[in-house]
Structure formats: C-alpha cells, structure tokens
C-alpha cells in the first residue's frame, strides 16, 4: 500500500469541504493508498460576529441571490453531498458561524495526533446537528465526547501560542493565492483544488503517483 501526506486547506463551515474530503478519501481507498491527513485553516468569514448569521441571509447579502436562486443552490448542494455520502441537515444547520476558535482547536489536536478525528466530529456537529462551533463551550463538549483533555484544550485556546500558530498557518496558506476551498497539498509539493468527484481525484492521484508518492 502506498503512503501519502495530505494537507487539506479547509474551513469548518464550508459546505463543499466535507464533500471534497469524502470524495478524496473514497478515491484513496479505491487506489489502495493510505494517507496521513493534516488540516490547514482558511477562514471564509473571519469577520463573522459571535452570534453568526443565517445562511440564507448571508448568501442573499453577499451574492444578491433571490429566493429562487437560494433554493436551486441548496438542492444542487444536497444532491452532490448525498452522492458523496455527506449528511447535511438544513433544518438544524441554519447559520454560518465564526470558525476561528474551531481552527485553533484543530491545531491543538494536531499536537496529540487527533486532527482527523476532530475534523470528522466537527463536521457531524455542524452539518448534521447544527451546533454553533464558534462557541468555546460547545467545542470543549466535543473534546470531551472524543475522550480528550478538556482542560488542556481550553488552556491552549486561551493562550498566545494558539493565536500565533494559527497566524503562521494562515500566512502559509495566503501565499498560495487561493480564493476558495477545499484544496489539498500532496506530499508538500502538489496542489489539488476543489471538491472534485471521486473519479477526478483518482485521475489526479494517478497522474502524480510516480513522482510524488513515497
């Protein structure tokens, strides 16, 4: 079995990120490739207030979408999510939230080799359960659910180190010139962008296996 390192550039409230993640994981499984996953922050809405914003209100304000356009977009999104096996419950997931604290928590989880587990638990919390993942209290509940140390997590998130390390990662990502996510860095070398289909991810990985896979 081949081994690759994948750094996923994502936002935890991005609708297309879990779709890209699920499709890439399936492609790797189909190709018999094992991945070491890491996650880099990309805040789509860094100015989002603590209370968040209704998703429909945000999209209408930002893109000037009509109700008809919003309905079409959601149906399209849910269709692709269903194909990828990604659950999204818009009866519960009503808001976009500020993801800054959640990205800090993801960095803490990297230090204890729990980033991927936290990524998947946060996806479930937000997209399926509609939990406000911007609130530290809710994040610590998720830490506890995973059997991790809530005191250590809280201490880190309140520290200067948390902010400094997050900024370092954000600066690295900003140099890539991305305007949207998800994106994936393969073995520190090759960038794949977009929430592609399983077939496209397989095709792209087959193109780089000879030179990039260890």
N, C-alpha and C. Protein backbone atom coordinates (compact mmCIF):
# COMPACT_ATOMS: atom_id res chain seq x y z
N UNK A 1 0.84 -1.21 0.00
CA UNK A 1 0.00 0.00 0.00
C UNK A 1 0.87 1.25 0.00
N UNK A 2 0.58 2.17 -0.91
CA UNK A 2 1.33 3.41 -0.98
C UNK A 2 0.89 4.36 0.13
N UNK A 3 1.78 5.26 0.50
CA UNK A 3 1.54 6.20 1.59
C UNK A 3 1.74 7.62 1.07
N UNK A 4 0.81 8.52 1.42
CA UNK A 4 0.95 9.92 1.04
C UNK A 4 0.61 10.81 2.24
N UNK A 5 1.17 12.00 2.19
CA UNK A 5 0.82 13.05 3.15
C UNK A 5 -0.14 14.01 2.45
N UNK A 6 -1.26 14.28 3.09
CA UNK A 6 -2.23 15.21 2.54
C UNK A 6 -2.53 16.30 3.56
N UNK A 7 -2.34 17.54 3.14
CA UNK A 7 -2.75 18.68 3.96
C UNK A 7 -3.98 19.30 3.30
N UNK A 8 -5.08 19.23 3.99
CA UNK A 8 -6.32 19.78 3.46
C UNK A 8 -6.49 21.21 3.95
N UNK A 9 -6.64 22.13 3.02
CA UNK A 9 -6.92 23.52 3.35
C UNK A 9 -8.45 23.66 3.35
N UNK A 10 -8.99 24.08 4.47
CA UNK A 10 -10.44 23.99 4.64
C UNK A 10 -10.96 25.07 5.58
N UNK A 11 -12.27 25.25 5.53
CA UNK A 11 -12.96 25.96 6.60
C UNK A 11 -14.00 25.02 7.16
N UNK A 12 -14.20 25.08 8.45
CA UNK A 12 -15.08 24.14 9.12
C UNK A 12 -16.55 24.44 8.91
N UNK A 13 -16.87 25.59 8.32
CA UNK A 13 -18.26 25.89 7.98
C UNK A 13 -18.49 25.88 6.47
N UNK A 14 -17.48 25.50 5.71
CA UNK A 14 -17.56 25.45 4.25
C UNK A 14 -18.38 24.24 3.81
N UNK A 15 -19.44 24.49 3.04
CA UNK A 15 -20.33 23.40 2.62
C UNK A 15 -19.65 22.40 1.69
N UNK A 16 -18.70 22.87 0.90
CA UNK A 16 -18.07 22.00 -0.10
C UNK A 16 -16.88 21.24 0.44
N UNK A 17 -16.37 21.64 1.59
CA UNK A 17 -15.19 20.97 2.15
C UNK A 17 -15.46 19.52 2.57
N UNK A 18 -16.55 19.22 3.28
CA UNK A 18 -16.80 17.81 3.61
C UNK A 18 -17.05 16.94 2.39
N UNK A 19 -17.58 17.55 1.32
CA UNK A 19 -17.80 16.79 0.08
C UNK A 19 -16.46 16.44 -0.54
N UNK A 20 -15.57 17.42 -0.65
CA UNK A 20 -14.24 17.16 -1.19
C UNK A 20 -13.48 16.15 -0.36
N UNK A 21 -13.59 16.28 0.95
CA UNK A 21 -12.91 15.36 1.87
C UNK A 21 -13.42 13.93 1.68
N UNK A 22 -14.73 13.76 1.63
CA UNK A 22 -15.31 12.42 1.48
C UNK A 22 -14.93 11.80 0.14
N UNK A 23 -14.98 12.59 -0.92
CA UNK A 23 -14.65 12.06 -2.24
C UNK A 23 -13.17 11.70 -2.35
N UNK A 24 -12.31 12.52 -1.75
CA UNK A 24 -10.88 12.23 -1.79
C UNK A 24 -10.57 10.95 -1.00
N UNK A 25 -11.19 10.81 0.16
CA UNK A 25 -10.99 9.60 0.96
C UNK A 25 -11.43 8.35 0.17
N UNK A 26 -12.53 8.45 -0.53
CA UNK A 26 -13.01 7.31 -1.32
C UNK A 26 -12.06 7.00 -2.46
N UNK A 27 -11.55 8.05 -3.10
CA UNK A 27 -10.59 7.84 -4.19
C UNK A 27 -9.33 7.14 -3.69
N UNK A 28 -8.84 7.57 -2.54
CA UNK A 28 -7.65 6.94 -1.96
C UNK A 28 -7.91 5.47 -1.64
N UNK A 29 -9.09 5.20 -1.10
CA UNK A 29 -9.45 3.82 -0.80
C UNK A 29 -9.48 2.98 -2.08
N UNK A 30 -10.07 3.55 -3.12
CA UNK A 30 -10.16 2.81 -4.39
C UNK A 30 -8.78 2.52 -4.97
N UNK A 31 -7.83 3.42 -4.74
CA UNK A 31 -6.48 3.27 -5.28
C UNK A 31 -5.54 2.55 -4.32
N UNK A 32 -6.08 2.11 -3.19
CA UNK A 32 -5.27 1.41 -2.18
C UNK A 32 -4.11 2.27 -1.70
N UNK A 33 -4.42 3.54 -1.40
CA UNK A 33 -3.44 4.49 -0.89
C UNK A 33 -3.81 4.87 0.54
N UNK A 34 -2.85 4.83 1.41
CA UNK A 34 -3.06 5.25 2.80
C UNK A 34 -2.54 6.67 2.98
N UNK A 35 -3.32 7.51 3.66
CA UNK A 35 -2.96 8.92 3.80
C UNK A 35 -2.76 9.31 5.25
N UNK A 36 -1.75 10.16 5.47
CA UNK A 36 -1.59 10.88 6.73
C UNK A 36 -2.21 12.26 6.51
N UNK A 37 -3.31 12.52 7.19
CA UNK A 37 -4.07 13.75 6.98
C UNK A 37 -3.66 14.84 7.96
N UNK A 38 -3.52 16.04 7.43
CA UNK A 38 -3.31 17.25 8.24
C UNK A 38 -4.27 18.31 7.69
N UNK A 39 -4.53 19.33 8.51
CA UNK A 39 -5.53 20.32 8.12
C UNK A 39 -5.03 21.74 8.37
N UNK A 40 -5.18 22.57 7.35
CA UNK A 40 -4.73 23.95 7.41
C UNK A 40 -5.93 24.89 7.34
N UNK A 41 -5.88 26.02 8.07
CA UNK A 41 -7.05 26.90 8.19
C UNK A 41 -7.22 27.86 7.02
N UNK A 42 -8.49 28.03 6.65
CA UNK A 42 -8.88 29.05 5.67
C UNK A 42 -10.22 29.59 6.16
N UNK A 43 -10.22 30.78 6.74
CA UNK A 43 -11.45 31.34 7.28
C UNK A 43 -12.19 32.11 6.19
N UNK A 44 -13.32 31.58 5.77
CA UNK A 44 -14.10 32.22 4.72
C UNK A 44 -14.73 33.53 5.19
N UNK A 45 -15.10 33.57 6.46
CA UNK A 45 -15.77 34.75 7.01
C UNK A 45 -15.14 35.15 8.35
N UNK A 46 -13.90 35.66 8.31
CA UNK A 46 -13.21 35.98 9.57
C UNK A 46 -13.88 37.10 10.37
N UNK A 47 -14.71 37.91 9.72
CA UNK A 47 -15.40 38.99 10.41
C UNK A 47 -16.78 38.59 10.91
N UNK A 48 -17.11 37.32 10.80
CA UNK A 48 -18.43 36.86 11.25
C UNK A 48 -18.61 37.15 12.74
N UNK A 49 -19.72 37.76 13.14
CA UNK A 49 -19.93 38.06 14.56
C UNK A 49 -20.13 36.80 15.38
N UNK A 50 -19.97 36.88 16.70
CA UNK A 50 -20.07 35.69 17.55
C UNK A 50 -21.39 34.95 17.42
N UNK A 51 -22.47 35.67 17.16
CA UNK A 51 -23.78 35.01 17.06
C UNK A 51 -24.00 34.36 15.70
N UNK A 52 -23.09 34.58 14.76
CA UNK A 52 -23.23 34.01 13.43
C UNK A 52 -24.23 34.77 12.59
N UNK A 53 -24.60 34.18 11.45
CA UNK A 53 -25.56 34.80 10.54
C UNK A 53 -26.35 33.70 9.85
N UNK A 54 -27.64 33.92 9.68
CA UNK A 54 -28.47 32.96 8.97
C UNK A 54 -27.87 32.70 7.59
N UNK A 55 -27.82 31.44 7.19
CA UNK A 55 -27.18 31.08 5.93
C UNK A 55 -27.85 31.78 4.75
N UNK A 56 -29.17 31.72 4.68
CA UNK A 56 -29.86 32.36 3.56
C UNK A 56 -29.64 33.86 3.54
N UNK A 57 -29.63 34.49 4.72
CA UNK A 57 -29.40 35.93 4.79
C UNK A 57 -27.99 36.27 4.30
N UNK A 58 -27.03 35.44 4.70
CA UNK A 58 -25.64 35.68 4.31
C UNK A 58 -25.47 35.56 2.80
N UNK A 59 -26.01 34.51 2.21
CA UNK A 59 -25.85 34.30 0.77
C UNK A 59 -26.59 35.38 -0.03
N UNK A 60 -27.76 35.78 0.46
CA UNK A 60 -28.51 36.83 -0.22
C UNK A 60 -27.78 38.16 -0.15
N UNK A 61 -27.21 38.45 1.00
CA UNK A 61 -26.48 39.71 1.17
C UNK A 61 -25.18 39.71 0.37
N UNK A 62 -24.45 38.61 0.42
CA UNK A 62 -23.12 38.56 -0.19
C UNK A 62 -23.18 38.44 -1.71
N UNK A 63 -24.12 37.63 -2.20
CA UNK A 63 -24.16 37.35 -3.64
C UNK A 63 -25.40 37.92 -4.33
N UNK A 64 -26.28 38.56 -3.54
CA UNK A 64 -27.51 39.15 -4.08
C UNK A 64 -28.39 38.09 -4.74
N UNK A 65 -28.46 36.92 -4.10
CA UNK A 65 -29.26 35.83 -4.64
C UNK A 65 -30.73 36.01 -4.28
N UNK A 66 -31.60 35.63 -5.20
CA UNK A 66 -33.03 35.61 -4.95
C UNK A 66 -33.40 34.34 -4.18
N UNK A 67 -34.65 34.28 -3.71
CA UNK A 67 -35.12 33.08 -3.03
C UNK A 67 -35.05 31.87 -3.96
N UNK A 68 -35.39 32.09 -5.23
CA UNK A 68 -35.33 31.01 -6.20
C UNK A 68 -33.91 30.50 -6.38
N UNK A 69 -32.96 31.41 -6.47
CA UNK A 69 -31.56 31.01 -6.61
C UNK A 69 -31.08 30.27 -5.38
N UNK A 70 -31.47 30.73 -4.19
CA UNK A 70 -31.08 30.06 -2.95
C UNK A 70 -31.62 28.63 -2.91
N UNK A 71 -32.86 28.47 -3.34
CA UNK A 71 -33.48 27.14 -3.35
C UNK A 71 -32.77 26.22 -4.33
N UNK A 72 -32.45 26.74 -5.50
CA UNK A 72 -31.75 25.94 -6.52
C UNK A 72 -30.36 25.53 -6.03
N UNK A 73 -29.66 26.49 -5.40
CA UNK A 73 -28.31 26.20 -4.90
C UNK A 73 -28.34 25.11 -3.84
N UNK A 74 -29.29 25.22 -2.91
CA UNK A 74 -29.35 24.23 -1.83
C UNK A 74 -29.68 22.85 -2.38
N UNK A 75 -30.59 22.77 -3.33
CA UNK A 75 -30.93 21.48 -3.92
C UNK A 75 -29.72 20.87 -4.63
N UNK A 76 -28.98 21.72 -5.34
CA UNK A 76 -27.77 21.27 -6.03
C UNK A 76 -26.72 20.77 -5.02
N UNK A 77 -26.52 21.54 -3.98
CA UNK A 77 -25.55 21.17 -2.94
C UNK A 77 -25.93 19.85 -2.29
N UNK A 78 -27.19 19.71 -1.91
CA UNK A 78 -27.64 18.49 -1.22
C UNK A 78 -27.55 17.27 -2.14
N UNK A 79 -27.77 17.47 -3.43
CA UNK A 79 -27.65 16.36 -4.36
C UNK A 79 -26.22 15.84 -4.44
N UNK A 80 -25.27 16.75 -4.53
CA UNK A 80 -23.86 16.36 -4.60
C UNK A 80 -23.39 15.79 -3.26
N UNK A 81 -23.85 16.38 -2.16
CA UNK A 81 -23.50 15.87 -0.83
C UNK A 81 -24.01 14.44 -0.65
N UNK A 82 -25.21 14.18 -1.11
CA UNK A 82 -25.79 12.84 -1.00
C UNK A 82 -24.98 11.83 -1.79
N UNK A 83 -24.54 12.22 -2.98
CA UNK A 83 -23.71 11.33 -3.79
C UNK A 83 -22.39 11.00 -3.09
N UNK A 84 -21.88 11.96 -2.33
CA UNK A 84 -20.61 11.76 -1.61
C UNK A 84 -20.80 11.07 -0.26
N UNK A 85 -22.05 10.84 0.13
CA UNK A 85 -22.31 10.22 1.43
C UNK A 85 -22.18 11.18 2.59
N UNK A 86 -22.32 12.50 2.30
CA UNK A 86 -22.19 13.53 3.32
C UNK A 86 -23.59 13.98 3.77
N UNK A 87 -23.82 13.95 5.06
CA UNK A 87 -25.11 14.35 5.60
C UNK A 87 -25.11 15.84 5.96
N UNK A 88 -26.14 16.55 5.49
CA UNK A 88 -26.34 17.94 5.86
C UNK A 88 -27.81 18.13 6.18
N UNK A 89 -28.10 18.62 7.36
CA UNK A 89 -29.48 18.82 7.80
C UNK A 89 -29.73 20.31 7.97
N UNK A 90 -30.34 20.91 6.95
CA UNK A 90 -30.55 22.35 7.00
C UNK A 90 -31.71 22.76 7.90
N UNK A 91 -32.43 21.79 8.45
CA UNK A 91 -33.41 22.13 9.47
C UNK A 91 -32.71 22.44 10.80
N UNK A 92 -31.47 21.97 10.92
CA UNK A 92 -30.66 22.23 12.13
C UNK A 92 -29.50 23.17 11.83
N UNK A 93 -28.89 22.99 10.66
CA UNK A 93 -27.78 23.86 10.28
C UNK A 93 -28.36 25.12 9.62
N UNK A 94 -28.63 26.11 10.42
CA UNK A 94 -29.30 27.31 9.93
C UNK A 94 -28.36 28.50 9.77
N UNK A 95 -27.18 28.46 10.43
CA UNK A 95 -26.28 29.62 10.48
C UNK A 95 -24.88 29.28 9.98
N UNK A 96 -24.20 30.30 9.48
CA UNK A 96 -22.75 30.27 9.40
C UNK A 96 -22.22 30.84 10.71
N UNK A 97 -21.16 30.24 11.21
CA UNK A 97 -20.55 30.71 12.46
C UNK A 97 -19.09 31.07 12.22
N UNK A 98 -18.55 31.86 13.13
CA UNK A 98 -17.13 32.20 13.08
C UNK A 98 -16.33 30.94 13.44
N UNK A 99 -15.41 30.55 12.57
CA UNK A 99 -14.69 29.29 12.74
C UNK A 99 -13.31 29.44 13.38
N UNK A 100 -12.98 30.64 13.83
CA UNK A 100 -11.63 30.90 14.34
C UNK A 100 -11.27 29.98 15.51
N UNK A 101 -12.15 29.90 16.50
CA UNK A 101 -11.86 29.06 17.67
C UNK A 101 -11.74 27.60 17.28
N UNK A 102 -12.57 27.16 16.35
CA UNK A 102 -12.52 25.76 15.92
C UNK A 102 -11.20 25.44 15.21
N UNK A 103 -10.67 26.39 14.45
CA UNK A 103 -9.37 26.18 13.81
C UNK A 103 -8.26 26.11 14.86
N UNK A 104 -8.37 26.92 15.90
CA UNK A 104 -7.39 26.82 16.99
C UNK A 104 -7.44 25.43 17.62
N UNK A 105 -8.64 24.94 17.84
CA UNK A 105 -8.79 23.60 18.42
C UNK A 105 -8.20 22.54 17.50
N UNK A 106 -8.39 22.71 16.21
CA UNK A 106 -7.80 21.75 15.26
C UNK A 106 -6.29 21.73 15.37
N UNK A 107 -5.68 22.89 15.59
CA UNK A 107 -4.22 22.92 15.74
C UNK A 107 -3.81 22.18 17.01
N UNK A 108 -4.53 22.39 18.10
CA UNK A 108 -4.21 21.67 19.34
C UNK A 108 -4.31 20.16 19.10
N UNK A 109 -5.32 19.73 18.35
CA UNK A 109 -5.49 18.31 18.09
C UNK A 109 -4.34 17.73 17.26
N UNK A 110 -3.73 18.56 16.43
CA UNK A 110 -2.58 18.08 15.66
C UNK A 110 -1.45 17.66 16.61
N UNK A 111 -1.30 18.37 17.71
CA UNK A 111 -0.20 18.09 18.64
C UNK A 111 -0.39 16.76 19.36
N UNK A 112 -1.61 16.24 19.37
CA UNK A 112 -1.88 14.95 20.03
C UNK A 112 -2.37 13.91 19.02
N UNK A 113 -2.12 14.17 17.74
CA UNK A 113 -2.45 13.23 16.67
C UNK A 113 -3.94 12.90 16.63
N UNK A 114 -4.77 13.93 16.82
CA UNK A 114 -6.22 13.72 16.80
C UNK A 114 -6.92 14.67 15.82
N UNK A 115 -6.16 15.24 14.89
CA UNK A 115 -6.75 16.21 13.97
C UNK A 115 -7.86 15.62 13.11
N UNK A 116 -7.61 14.47 12.53
CA UNK A 116 -8.61 13.89 11.64
C UNK A 116 -9.87 13.50 12.40
N UNK A 117 -9.70 12.96 13.58
CA UNK A 117 -10.86 12.60 14.41
C UNK A 117 -11.67 13.84 14.76
N UNK A 118 -10.99 14.93 15.08
CA UNK A 118 -11.70 16.17 15.42
C UNK A 118 -12.38 16.75 14.18
N UNK A 119 -11.70 16.72 13.04
CA UNK A 119 -12.30 17.21 11.80
C UNK A 119 -13.63 16.51 11.54
N UNK A 120 -13.64 15.19 11.66
CA UNK A 120 -14.84 14.43 11.36
C UNK A 120 -15.93 14.66 12.41
N UNK A 121 -15.53 14.84 13.66
CA UNK A 121 -16.53 15.11 14.70
C UNK A 121 -17.13 16.50 14.55
N UNK A 122 -16.31 17.48 14.16
CA UNK A 122 -16.82 18.83 13.93
C UNK A 122 -17.76 18.89 12.73
N UNK A 123 -17.47 18.10 11.70
CA UNK A 123 -18.37 18.04 10.55
C UNK A 123 -19.74 17.52 10.99
N UNK A 124 -19.75 16.49 11.78
CA UNK A 124 -21.02 15.93 12.27
C UNK A 124 -21.76 16.95 13.13
N UNK A 125 -21.01 17.60 14.03
CA UNK A 125 -21.62 18.56 14.94
C UNK A 125 -22.27 19.71 14.19
N UNK A 126 -21.58 20.24 13.20
CA UNK A 126 -22.08 21.41 12.49
C UNK A 126 -23.08 21.06 11.40
N UNK A 127 -22.71 20.18 10.49
CA UNK A 127 -23.53 19.92 9.31
C UNK A 127 -24.75 19.05 9.61
N UNK A 128 -24.63 18.15 10.57
CA UNK A 128 -25.76 17.27 10.90
C UNK A 128 -26.58 17.77 12.08
N UNK A 129 -25.89 18.34 13.08
CA UNK A 129 -26.56 18.71 14.32
C UNK A 129 -26.78 20.21 14.47
N UNK A 130 -26.15 21.01 13.61
CA UNK A 130 -26.34 22.45 13.65
C UNK A 130 -25.72 23.14 14.84
N UNK A 131 -24.75 22.50 15.48
CA UNK A 131 -24.12 23.06 16.68
C UNK A 131 -23.28 24.28 16.31
N UNK A 132 -23.33 25.30 17.14
CA UNK A 132 -22.52 26.51 16.96
C UNK A 132 -21.08 26.18 17.34
N UNK A 133 -20.26 25.91 16.32
CA UNK A 133 -18.87 25.52 16.59
C UNK A 133 -17.96 26.74 16.75
N UNK A 134 -18.55 27.91 16.87
CA UNK A 134 -17.77 29.09 17.20
C UNK A 134 -17.64 29.31 18.69
N UNK A 135 -18.51 28.65 19.46
CA UNK A 135 -18.54 28.83 20.91
C UNK A 135 -17.60 27.84 21.60
N UNK A 136 -16.73 28.37 22.43
CA UNK A 136 -15.73 27.54 23.10
C UNK A 136 -16.39 26.44 23.92
N UNK A 137 -17.47 26.76 24.61
CA UNK A 137 -18.15 25.76 25.44
C UNK A 137 -18.58 24.55 24.60
N UNK A 138 -19.12 24.81 23.41
CA UNK A 138 -19.54 23.71 22.55
C UNK A 138 -18.34 22.92 22.04
N UNK A 139 -17.26 23.61 21.74
CA UNK A 139 -16.05 22.92 21.29
C UNK A 139 -15.49 22.02 22.38
N UNK A 140 -15.51 22.49 23.61
CA UNK A 140 -15.00 21.68 24.72
C UNK A 140 -15.89 20.47 24.97
N UNK A 141 -17.17 20.60 24.72
CA UNK A 141 -18.06 19.43 24.82
C UNK A 141 -17.67 18.38 23.79
N UNK A 142 -17.29 18.83 22.61
CA UNK A 142 -16.86 17.91 21.57
C UNK A 142 -15.53 17.26 21.94
N UNK A 143 -14.63 18.04 22.52
CA UNK A 143 -13.37 17.49 23.03
C UNK A 143 -13.65 16.37 24.01
N UNK A 144 -14.58 16.62 24.92
CA UNK A 144 -14.94 15.61 25.92
C UNK A 144 -15.55 14.38 25.27
N UNK A 145 -16.40 14.59 24.26
CA UNK A 145 -17.02 13.47 23.55
C UNK A 145 -15.98 12.55 22.93
N UNK A 146 -14.86 13.13 22.50
CA UNK A 146 -13.79 12.34 21.89
C UNK A 146 -12.86 11.72 22.93
N UNK A 147 -13.13 11.99 24.20
CA UNK A 147 -12.30 11.42 25.26
C UNK A 147 -10.97 12.14 25.43
N UNK A 148 -10.91 13.40 25.01
CA UNK A 148 -9.67 14.17 25.09
C UNK A 148 -9.71 15.10 26.31
N UNK A 149 -8.58 15.71 26.60
CA UNK A 149 -8.42 16.51 27.82
C UNK A 149 -8.98 17.93 27.61
N UNK A 150 -10.12 18.20 28.22
CA UNK A 150 -10.76 19.50 28.03
C UNK A 150 -9.97 20.63 28.67
N UNK A 151 -9.30 20.37 29.77
CA UNK A 151 -8.52 21.42 30.44
C UNK A 151 -7.35 21.85 29.56
N UNK A 152 -6.65 20.87 28.99
CA UNK A 152 -5.52 21.19 28.11
C UNK A 152 -5.99 21.93 26.87
N UNK A 153 -7.13 21.51 26.33
CA UNK A 153 -7.66 22.17 25.14
C UNK A 153 -8.03 23.62 25.45
N UNK A 154 -8.71 23.84 26.55
CA UNK A 154 -9.13 25.19 26.93
C UNK A 154 -7.92 26.08 27.21
N UNK A 155 -6.95 25.53 27.90
CA UNK A 155 -5.73 26.29 28.21
C UNK A 155 -5.03 26.73 26.94
N UNK A 156 -4.93 25.81 25.98
CA UNK A 156 -4.26 26.14 24.72
C UNK A 156 -5.04 27.21 23.97
N UNK A 157 -6.35 27.07 23.88
CA UNK A 157 -7.15 28.01 23.09
C UNK A 157 -7.13 29.42 23.68
N UNK A 158 -6.83 29.53 24.96
CA UNK A 158 -6.76 30.84 25.62
C UNK A 158 -5.35 31.42 25.60
N UNK A 159 -4.41 30.68 25.05
CA UNK A 159 -3.01 31.09 25.09
C UNK A 159 -2.63 31.94 23.88
N UNK A 160 -1.52 32.68 24.01
CA UNK A 160 -0.98 33.44 22.89
C UNK A 160 -0.45 32.50 21.82
N UNK A 161 0.03 31.36 22.24
CA UNK A 161 0.56 30.38 21.29
C UNK A 161 -0.49 29.96 20.29
N UNK A 162 -1.74 29.81 20.73
CA UNK A 162 -2.81 29.39 19.84
C UNK A 162 -2.98 30.39 18.71
N UNK A 163 -2.99 31.66 19.04
CA UNK A 163 -3.17 32.70 18.04
C UNK A 163 -1.96 32.79 17.12
N UNK A 164 -0.77 32.67 17.68
CA UNK A 164 0.45 32.79 16.90
C UNK A 164 0.60 31.64 15.90
N UNK A 165 0.32 30.44 16.36
CA UNK A 165 0.46 29.28 15.47
C UNK A 165 -0.60 29.30 14.38
N UNK A 166 -1.79 29.74 14.71
CA UNK A 166 -2.83 29.84 13.69
C UNK A 166 -2.45 30.88 12.64
N UNK A 167 -1.91 31.99 13.07
CA UNK A 167 -1.48 33.04 12.13
C UNK A 167 -0.37 32.54 11.21
N UNK A 168 0.54 31.74 11.77
CA UNK A 168 1.63 31.18 10.95
C UNK A 168 1.07 30.30 9.84
N UNK A 169 0.10 29.47 10.18
CA UNK A 169 -0.52 28.60 9.18
C UNK A 169 -1.30 29.42 8.16
N UNK A 170 -2.00 30.44 8.63
CA UNK A 170 -2.78 31.27 7.71
C UNK A 170 -1.87 32.02 6.73
N UNK A 171 -0.72 32.47 7.20
CA UNK A 171 0.22 33.15 6.31
C UNK A 171 0.74 32.18 5.25
N UNK A 172 1.00 30.97 5.64
CA UNK A 172 1.46 29.97 4.67
C UNK A 172 0.39 29.75 3.59
N UNK A 173 -0.85 29.62 4.02
CA UNK A 173 -1.95 29.39 3.08
C UNK A 173 -2.15 30.60 2.17
N UNK A 174 -2.04 31.80 2.74
CA UNK A 174 -2.29 33.02 1.95
C UNK A 174 -1.31 33.15 0.79
N UNK A 175 -0.09 32.63 0.95
CA UNK A 175 0.90 32.70 -0.11
C UNK A 175 0.52 31.85 -1.32
N UNK A 176 -0.45 30.96 -1.15
CA UNK A 176 -0.86 30.09 -2.25
C UNK A 176 -1.86 30.78 -3.18
N UNK A 177 -2.39 31.91 -2.75
CA UNK A 177 -3.29 32.67 -3.61
C UNK A 177 -4.65 32.05 -3.82
N UNK A 178 -5.11 31.25 -2.88
CA UNK A 178 -6.40 30.60 -3.03
C UNK A 178 -7.54 31.58 -2.78
N UNK A 179 -8.61 31.45 -3.54
CA UNK A 179 -9.80 32.27 -3.30
C UNK A 179 -10.96 31.45 -2.76
N UNK A 180 -10.80 30.13 -2.75
CA UNK A 180 -11.85 29.26 -2.24
C UNK A 180 -11.23 27.95 -1.75
N UNK A 181 -12.02 27.19 -1.03
CA UNK A 181 -11.60 25.88 -0.52
C UNK A 181 -12.74 24.89 -0.78
N UNK A 182 -12.39 23.58 -0.77
CA UNK A 182 -11.17 22.97 -0.27
C UNK A 182 -10.04 22.96 -1.29
N UNK A 183 -8.85 22.72 -0.76
CA UNK A 183 -7.67 22.45 -1.57
C UNK A 183 -6.81 21.46 -0.80
N UNK A 184 -5.96 20.75 -1.52
CA UNK A 184 -5.20 19.66 -0.91
C UNK A 184 -3.75 19.71 -1.39
N UNK A 185 -2.81 19.69 -0.45
CA UNK A 185 -1.39 19.65 -0.78
C UNK A 185 -0.91 18.21 -0.63
N UNK A 186 -0.35 17.67 -1.69
CA UNK A 186 0.09 16.28 -1.69
C UNK A 186 1.60 16.23 -1.49
N UNK A 187 2.03 15.57 -0.44
CA UNK A 187 3.46 15.38 -0.15
C UNK A 187 4.26 16.67 -0.22
N UNK A 188 3.69 17.75 0.29
CA UNK A 188 4.36 19.05 0.37
C UNK A 188 4.69 19.66 -0.99
N UNK A 189 4.13 19.10 -2.08
CA UNK A 189 4.56 19.52 -3.41
C UNK A 189 3.44 19.95 -4.33
N UNK A 190 2.41 19.15 -4.44
CA UNK A 190 1.42 19.32 -5.49
C UNK A 190 0.09 19.75 -4.89
N UNK A 191 -0.52 20.78 -5.49
CA UNK A 191 -1.79 21.32 -5.02
C UNK A 191 -2.94 20.86 -5.90
N UNK A 192 -3.95 20.28 -5.28
CA UNK A 192 -5.20 19.92 -5.96
C UNK A 192 -6.30 20.80 -5.37
N UNK A 193 -7.03 21.48 -6.20
CA UNK A 193 -8.08 22.37 -5.71
C UNK A 193 -9.47 21.84 -6.05
N UNK A 194 -10.42 22.18 -5.20
CA UNK A 194 -11.82 21.89 -5.48
C UNK A 194 -12.36 20.64 -4.82
N UNK A 195 -13.69 20.61 -4.71
CA UNK A 195 -14.39 19.44 -4.16
C UNK A 195 -14.73 18.52 -5.32
N UNK A 196 -13.71 17.91 -5.87
CA UNK A 196 -13.85 17.11 -7.09
C UNK A 196 -14.61 15.82 -6.85
N UNK A 197 -15.02 15.21 -7.94
CA UNK A 197 -15.64 13.89 -7.85
C UNK A 197 -14.59 12.84 -7.50
N UNK A 198 -15.04 11.66 -7.13
CA UNK A 198 -14.12 10.56 -6.83
C UNK A 198 -13.26 10.26 -8.05
N UNK A 199 -13.88 10.21 -9.22
CA UNK A 199 -13.16 9.88 -10.45
C UNK A 199 -12.05 10.88 -10.73
N UNK A 200 -12.33 12.16 -10.53
CA UNK A 200 -11.32 13.18 -10.81
C UNK A 200 -10.18 13.09 -9.81
N UNK A 201 -10.51 12.86 -8.54
CA UNK A 201 -9.44 12.70 -7.56
C UNK A 201 -8.57 11.48 -7.90
N UNK A 202 -9.20 10.41 -8.34
CA UNK A 202 -8.42 9.23 -8.74
C UNK A 202 -7.50 9.57 -9.92
N UNK A 203 -8.05 10.28 -10.89
CA UNK A 203 -7.26 10.64 -12.06
C UNK A 203 -6.06 11.51 -11.68
N UNK A 204 -6.30 12.49 -10.81
CA UNK A 204 -5.22 13.38 -10.41
C UNK A 204 -4.16 12.63 -9.61
N UNK A 205 -4.58 11.74 -8.74
CA UNK A 205 -3.60 10.98 -7.96
C UNK A 205 -2.81 10.03 -8.86
N UNK A 206 -3.46 9.44 -9.83
CA UNK A 206 -2.74 8.56 -10.75
C UNK A 206 -1.68 9.33 -11.56
N UNK A 207 -1.95 10.60 -11.81
CA UNK A 207 -1.00 11.42 -12.57
C UNK A 207 0.26 11.72 -11.77
N UNK A 208 0.14 11.74 -10.44
CA UNK A 208 1.29 12.14 -9.62
C UNK A 208 1.92 10.99 -8.83
N UNK A 209 1.37 9.82 -8.93
CA UNK A 209 1.88 8.70 -8.13
C UNK A 209 3.35 8.41 -8.40
N UNK A 210 3.74 8.46 -9.65
CA UNK A 210 5.10 8.07 -10.00
C UNK A 210 6.16 8.93 -9.41
N UNK A 211 5.90 10.25 -9.23
CA UNK A 211 6.92 11.16 -8.77
C UNK A 211 6.72 11.64 -7.35
N UNK A 212 5.46 11.57 -6.86
CA UNK A 212 5.20 12.22 -5.56
C UNK A 212 4.89 11.23 -4.45
N UNK A 213 4.45 10.03 -4.78
CA UNK A 213 4.08 9.08 -3.73
C UNK A 213 5.31 8.32 -3.28
N UNK A 214 5.50 8.30 -1.96
CA UNK A 214 6.67 7.62 -1.40
C UNK A 214 6.39 6.14 -1.21
